[in-house]
């Protein structure tokens, strides 16, 4: 970790982020076997990305480490304490990044549903460990990563798309355009409000994004929204299509590259003709955008 810190983080990251990955993360891993296996596994995945000639062997190693990590984590499962809070907190995030880096063998819509439910589990661990984590070396991830936006580097090829504010406001009308159960409509309205909040953190005028806020979507009524998406309810799929624009902000990171396109293509193929005009803007922004080479970037939450 000490010697590959600039492979695993950004060259322009703040010192506190560099120290977390370079110093604090290995400390926790040496105290917790399941964190060590998770960290080794994710590092193997990253090596598979930068060394494609060794990708198959490294991916097998990554999965082996993750399997061991999950078995150990479950066997040591216990309420959060001052002694294990950092390990639990770090482990849940590494598992989430793993899930993006190795997509499940499911249709993309169902795969993103699985991730929504995983995020719900992360929220539970975060609530359980917040007090102790906020007192220790990982506090900056809570105070900066969740509450402040992470600047989009000037040299990045990504440009925040314009027009989503109009589109999102237009979706208020979309939710009421066809008959829905009142609880389903309420869930869609809640999720849409949350999505608007995420957009506010990456508004072009601000030129920044909060990685954690995008990955932790949806935080409200996530279980019900996941079920609506799984049932292929058109209104929920349209909101998901707009979320793909947010997800695309992170697309130059190696562990999430391609997710936004795969999910949006599945939504486009699933929606009946009468609904497709609602997602013209996400399709144009994500699927039809001009392709530009992107540098490999790492995980920073």
Protein backbone atom coordinates (compact mmCIF):
# COMPACT_ATOMS: atom_id res chain seq x y z
CA UNK A 1 0.00 0.00 0.00
CA UNK A 2 2.86 2.38 0.81
CA UNK A 3 4.47 1.90 -2.60
CA UNK A 4 1.34 1.80 -4.74
CA UNK A 5 -0.54 4.61 -3.05
CA UNK A 6 -0.73 6.70 -6.24
CA UNK A 7 -2.12 3.74 -8.13
CA UNK A 8 -4.83 3.24 -5.53
CA UNK A 9 -5.61 6.93 -5.03
CA UNK A 10 -5.45 10.17 -6.98
CA UNK A 11 -2.28 12.22 -7.38
CA UNK A 12 -4.20 15.28 -6.27
CA UNK A 13 -5.89 13.65 -3.26
CA UNK A 14 -5.54 15.43 0.04
CA UNK A 15 -2.97 14.11 2.52
CA UNK A 16 -5.64 12.73 4.87
CA UNK A 17 -6.98 10.47 2.10
CA UNK A 18 -3.50 9.28 1.16
CA UNK A 19 -2.72 8.46 4.79
CA UNK A 20 -5.95 6.50 5.16
CA UNK A 21 -5.03 4.12 2.34
CA UNK A 22 -1.26 4.17 2.87
CA UNK A 23 -1.12 3.90 6.66
CA UNK A 24 -4.44 3.40 8.43
CA UNK A 25 -5.98 0.75 6.16
CA UNK A 26 -3.03 -1.68 6.50
CA UNK A 27 -3.05 -1.14 10.29
CA UNK A 28 -6.65 -2.33 10.47
CA UNK A 29 -5.91 -5.21 8.10
CA UNK A 30 -3.08 -6.48 10.31
CA UNK A 31 -5.47 -6.48 13.26
CA UNK A 32 -8.39 -8.10 11.40
CA UNK A 33 -7.91 -11.16 9.21
CA UNK A 34 -11.13 -10.63 7.26
CA UNK A 35 -10.14 -7.06 6.39
CA UNK A 36 -6.71 -8.32 5.28
CA UNK A 37 -8.26 -10.87 2.92
CA UNK A 38 -10.70 -8.26 1.57
CA UNK A 39 -7.91 -5.75 0.98
CA UNK A 40 -5.67 -8.34 -0.68
CA UNK A 41 -8.58 -9.44 -2.86
CA UNK A 42 -9.42 -5.95 -4.01
CA UNK A 43 -5.74 -5.24 -4.66
CA UNK A 44 -5.64 -8.39 -6.82
CA UNK A 45 -8.60 -7.08 -8.79
CA UNK A 46 -6.80 -3.81 -9.36
CA UNK A 47 -3.67 -5.65 -10.52
CA UNK A 48 -5.86 -7.64 -12.92
CA UNK A 49 -6.96 -4.32 -14.40
CA UNK A 50 -3.45 -2.93 -14.85
CA UNK A 51 -1.90 -6.30 -15.83
CA UNK A 52 -4.40 -7.83 -18.28
CA UNK A 53 -1.94 -10.57 -19.23
CA UNK A 54 -2.30 -11.94 -15.67
CA UNK A 55 -5.98 -11.07 -15.27
CA UNK A 56 -7.41 -14.59 -15.01
CA UNK A 57 -5.00 -15.71 -12.28
CA UNK A 58 -5.40 -12.47 -10.34
CA UNK A 59 -9.20 -12.56 -10.53
CA UNK A 60 -9.19 -16.11 -9.20
CA UNK A 61 -6.97 -14.93 -6.35
CA UNK A 62 -9.32 -12.01 -5.69
CA UNK A 63 -12.40 -14.24 -5.45
CA UNK A 64 -10.52 -16.68 -3.20
CA UNK A 65 -9.55 -13.88 -0.81
CA UNK A 66 -13.10 -12.48 -0.79
CA UNK A 67 -14.58 -15.91 -0.02
CA UNK A 68 -12.21 -16.29 2.94
CA UNK A 69 -13.00 -12.74 4.09
CA UNK A 70 -16.76 -13.35 4.06
CA UNK A 71 -16.45 -16.65 5.95
CA UNK A 72 -14.27 -15.03 8.61
CA UNK A 73 -16.52 -11.96 8.88
CA UNK A 74 -19.62 -14.10 9.42
CA UNK A 75 -17.86 -16.32 11.97
CA UNK A 76 -16.68 -13.26 13.90
CA UNK A 77 -19.97 -11.41 13.57
CA UNK A 78 -20.73 -9.55 16.77
CA UNK A 79 -22.13 -6.17 17.83
CA UNK A 80 -19.93 -3.18 17.05
CA UNK A 81 -17.47 -2.13 19.73
CA UNK A 82 -14.64 0.37 19.95
CA UNK A 83 -12.28 -2.52 19.10
CA UNK A 84 -13.97 -3.79 15.91
CA UNK A 85 -15.82 -0.73 14.57
CA UNK A 86 -13.10 0.36 12.14
CA UNK A 87 -12.74 -3.18 10.77
CA UNK A 88 -16.50 -3.51 10.20
CA UNK A 89 -16.69 -0.08 8.58
CA UNK A 90 -13.74 -0.68 6.23
CA UNK A 91 -14.87 -4.19 5.33
CA UNK A 92 -18.35 -3.16 4.20
CA UNK A 93 -16.91 -0.54 1.86
CA UNK A 94 -14.38 -2.92 0.33
CA UNK A 95 -17.16 -5.49 -0.25
CA UNK A 96 -19.28 -2.81 -1.97
CA UNK A 97 -16.38 -1.88 -4.25
CA UNK A 98 -15.87 -5.59 -4.97
CA UNK A 99 -19.51 -5.85 -6.03
CA UNK A 100 -19.02 -3.09 -8.59
CA UNK A 101 -15.68 -4.45 -9.79
CA UNK A 102 -17.10 -7.99 -10.32
CA UNK A 103 -20.71 -7.56 -11.47
CA UNK A 104 -23.04 -10.44 -10.53
CA UNK A 105 -24.13 -12.82 -13.29
CA UNK A 106 -27.54 -11.21 -13.61
CA UNK A 107 -29.27 -8.89 -16.08
CA UNK A 108 -27.95 -5.35 -15.39
CA UNK A 109 -31.24 -4.13 -13.88
CA UNK A 110 -31.29 -7.01 -11.41
CA UNK A 111 -27.57 -6.50 -10.71
CA UNK A 112 -28.14 -2.87 -9.70
CA UNK A 113 -31.03 -4.02 -7.47
CA UNK A 114 -28.56 -6.32 -5.68
CA UNK A 115 -26.26 -3.33 -5.15
CA UNK A 116 -29.13 -1.23 -3.79
CA UNK A 117 -29.73 -3.91 -1.17
CA UNK A 118 -26.00 -4.10 -0.40
CA UNK A 119 -25.98 -0.35 0.19
CA UNK A 120 -28.87 -0.81 2.60
CA UNK A 121 -26.62 -3.19 4.56
CA UNK A 122 -23.79 -0.65 4.51
CA UNK A 123 -26.13 1.93 6.01
CA UNK A 124 -26.93 -0.46 8.85
CA UNK A 125 -23.22 -1.02 9.60
CA UNK A 126 -22.55 2.70 9.31
CA UNK A 127 -25.25 3.49 11.85
CA UNK A 128 -23.88 0.84 14.18
CA UNK A 129 -20.25 1.98 13.99
CA UNK A 130 -20.60 5.73 13.42
CA UNK A 131 -19.70 6.85 16.95
CA UNK A 132 -16.43 4.90 17.18
CA UNK A 133 -15.38 5.51 13.57
CA UNK A 134 -15.97 9.23 13.99
CA UNK A 135 -13.48 9.24 16.88
CA UNK A 136 -10.67 7.51 14.94
CA UNK A 137 -8.46 7.72 11.85
CA UNK A 138 -11.32 7.07 9.42
CA UNK A 139 -13.31 10.06 10.66
CA UNK A 140 -12.36 12.11 7.55
CA UNK A 141 -14.28 9.65 5.37
CA UNK A 142 -17.38 10.38 7.46
CA UNK A 143 -16.91 14.13 7.80
CA UNK A 144 -15.46 14.81 4.36
CA UNK A 145 -16.46 11.88 2.17
CA UNK A 146 -20.13 11.89 3.13
CA UNK A 147 -20.75 15.54 3.84
CA UNK A 148 -18.49 17.40 1.44
CA UNK A 149 -18.17 17.09 -2.30
CA UNK A 150 -15.03 15.63 -3.84
CA UNK A 151 -13.71 17.97 -6.57
CA UNK A 152 -13.70 16.72 -10.13
CA UNK A 153 -10.08 17.19 -11.30
CA UNK A 154 -9.60 19.84 -13.98
CA UNK A 155 -7.62 17.39 -16.09
CA UNK A 156 -10.47 14.86 -16.07
CA UNK A 157 -12.13 14.21 -19.43
CA UNK A 158 -15.52 14.19 -17.74
CA UNK A 159 -17.84 17.16 -18.16
CA UNK A 160 -20.93 17.31 -15.98
CA UNK A 161 -23.90 17.11 -18.39
CA UNK A 162 -26.28 19.99 -18.66
CA UNK A 163 -30.04 19.71 -18.68
CA UNK A 164 -30.64 17.14 -15.99
CA UNK A 165 -32.31 19.68 -13.71
CA UNK A 166 -35.04 20.24 -16.31
CA UNK A 167 -35.39 16.51 -16.88
CA UNK A 168 -35.68 15.65 -13.21
CA UNK A 169 -38.32 18.32 -12.66
CA UNK A 170 -40.18 16.92 -15.66
CA UNK A 171 -40.29 13.50 -13.95
CA UNK A 172 -42.62 14.83 -11.25
CA UNK A 173 -45.27 14.85 -13.95
CA UNK A 174 -44.18 11.43 -15.25
CA UNK A 175 -44.91 9.75 -11.91
CA UNK A 176 -48.57 10.77 -12.19
CA UNK A 177 -49.04 10.09 -15.89
CA UNK A 178 -50.35 6.54 -15.41
CA UNK A 179 -52.17 4.64 -12.70
CA UNK A 180 -49.99 3.47 -9.79
CA UNK A 181 -50.60 2.12 -6.34
CA UNK A 182 -50.39 5.00 -3.86
CA UNK A 183 -47.49 3.40 -1.96
CA UNK A 184 -45.56 2.85 -5.20
CA UNK A 185 -46.12 6.47 -6.23
CA UNK A 186 -44.98 7.67 -2.81
CA UNK A 187 -41.78 5.58 -3.09
CA UNK A 188 -41.01 6.96 -6.56
CA UNK A 189 -41.59 10.52 -5.35
CA UNK A 190 -39.21 10.00 -2.40
CA UNK A 191 -36.49 8.50 -4.59
CA UNK A 192 -36.87 11.27 -7.17
CA UNK A 193 -36.45 13.90 -4.45
CA UNK A 194 -33.29 12.14 -3.27
CA UNK A 195 -31.95 11.99 -6.83
CA UNK A 196 -32.47 15.72 -7.20
CA UNK A 197 -30.40 16.18 -4.03
CA UNK A 198 -27.52 14.18 -5.54
CA UNK A 199 -27.70 16.29 -8.68
CA UNK A 200 -27.28 19.40 -6.57
CA UNK A 201 -23.89 18.08 -5.41
CA UNK A 202 -22.60 17.72 -8.97
CA UNK A 203 -24.15 20.80 -10.52
CA UNK A 204 -21.90 22.14 -13.29
CA UNK A 205 -21.49 25.44 -11.49
CA UNK A 206 -20.01 23.64 -8.48
CA UNK A 207 -17.80 21.29 -10.50
CA UNK A 208 -17.71 18.64 -7.80
CA UNK A 209 -19.26 15.34 -6.80
CA UNK A 210 -19.58 13.25 -3.67
CA UNK A 211 -18.58 9.70 -4.55
CA UNK A 212 -20.23 8.31 -1.42
CA UNK A 213 -23.51 10.10 -2.07
CA UNK A 214 -23.75 8.57 -5.55
CA UNK A 215 -22.83 5.06 -4.40
CA UNK A 216 -25.16 5.20 -1.38
CA UNK A 217 -28.26 5.81 -3.50
CA UNK A 218 -31.03 5.25 -2.59
CA UNK A 219 -30.98 5.89 1.13
CA UNK A 220 -34.75 6.40 1.51
CA UNK A 221 -37.19 3.53 1.06
CA UNK A 222 -34.48 1.57 -0.77
CA UNK A 223 -36.14 -1.83 -0.27
CA UNK A 224 -39.44 -0.77 -1.82
CA UNK A 225 -37.73 1.04 -4.70
CA UNK A 226 -35.58 -2.03 -5.37
CA UNK A 227 -38.73 -4.14 -5.60
CA UNK A 228 -40.34 -1.68 -8.03
CA UNK A 229 -37.25 -1.85 -10.24
CA UNK A 230 -37.17 -5.64 -9.99
CA UNK A 231 -40.82 -5.77 -11.06
CA UNK A 232 -39.90 -3.50 -14.01
CA UNK A 233 -42.41 -0.79 -13.02
CA UNK A 234 -41.94 1.81 -15.81
CA UNK A 235 -41.84 4.87 -13.54
CA UNK A 236 -39.15 3.28 -11.35
CA UNK A 237 -37.11 2.27 -14.41
CA UNK A 238 -37.23 5.83 -15.74
CA UNK A 239 -35.93 7.19 -12.43
CA UNK A 240 -33.21 4.51 -12.58
CA UNK A 241 -32.27 5.75 -16.06
CA UNK A 242 -31.67 9.23 -14.65
CA UNK A 243 -29.61 7.72 -11.83
CA UNK A 244 -27.41 6.19 -14.54
CA UNK A 245 -26.39 9.74 -15.49
CA UNK A 246 -25.17 10.24 -11.91
CA UNK A 247 -23.40 6.87 -11.96
CA UNK A 248 -21.68 7.88 -15.17
CA UNK A 249 -19.89 10.64 -13.26
CA UNK A 250 -17.75 7.87 -11.73
CA UNK A 251 -17.26 5.91 -14.95
CA UNK A 252 -13.54 6.69 -15.29
CA UNK A 253 -12.83 4.69 -12.13
CA UNK A 254 -11.71 1.19 -13.07
CA UNK A 255 -13.94 -0.62 -10.57
CA UNK A 256 -17.20 0.92 -11.83
CA UNK A 257 -16.46 1.49 -15.51
CA UNK A 258 -19.33 0.43 -17.79
CA UNK A 259 -22.03 0.09 -15.12
CA UNK A 260 -24.05 3.14 -16.19
CA UNK A 261 -24.13 2.06 -19.84
CA UNK A 262 -25.07 -1.55 -19.11
CA UNK A 263 -27.94 -0.63 -16.79
CA UNK A 264 -29.28 2.08 -19.11
CA UNK A 265 -29.17 -0.24 -22.13
CA UNK A 266 -31.18 -2.80 -20.16
CA UNK A 267 -33.73 -0.14 -19.16
CA UNK A 268 -34.04 1.00 -22.78
CA UNK A 269 -34.63 -2.57 -23.95
CA UNK A 270 -37.17 -3.23 -21.18
CA UNK A 271 -39.41 -0.16 -21.45
CA UNK A 272 -42.39 -0.28 -23.80
CA UNK A 273 -42.38 2.21 -26.66
CA UNK A 274 -44.87 4.51 -24.90
CA UNK A 275 -42.36 5.16 -22.07
CA UNK A 276 -39.10 5.46 -23.98
CA UNK A 277 -39.40 9.17 -24.78
CA UNK A 278 -39.00 9.87 -21.04
CA UNK A 279 -35.41 8.60 -21.12
CA UNK A 280 -34.23 10.33 -24.30
CA UNK A 281 -31.97 12.65 -22.32
CA UNK A 282 -30.20 9.91 -20.30
CA UNK A 283 -29.74 7.86 -23.49
CA UNK A 284 -28.23 10.84 -25.31
CA UNK A 285 -26.02 11.77 -22.33
CA UNK A 286 -24.70 8.31 -21.45
CA UNK A 287 -25.08 6.01 -24.45
CA UNK A 288 -24.59 8.48 -27.30
CA UNK A 289 -21.92 10.69 -25.80
CA UNK A 290 -18.66 11.11 -27.61
CA UNK A 291 -16.14 8.46 -26.56
CA UNK A 292 -12.89 9.81 -25.12
CA UNK A 293 -9.97 7.88 -23.63
CA UNK A 294 -10.00 7.93 -19.86
CA UNK A 295 -7.17 7.44 -17.43
CA UNK A 296 -7.45 4.60 -14.94
CA UNK A 297 -8.52 5.94 -11.59
CA UNK A 298 -8.92 4.34 -8.23
CA UNK A 299 -11.33 4.10 -5.38
CA UNK A 300 -11.86 7.09 -3.14
CA UNK A 301 -14.96 7.14 -1.00
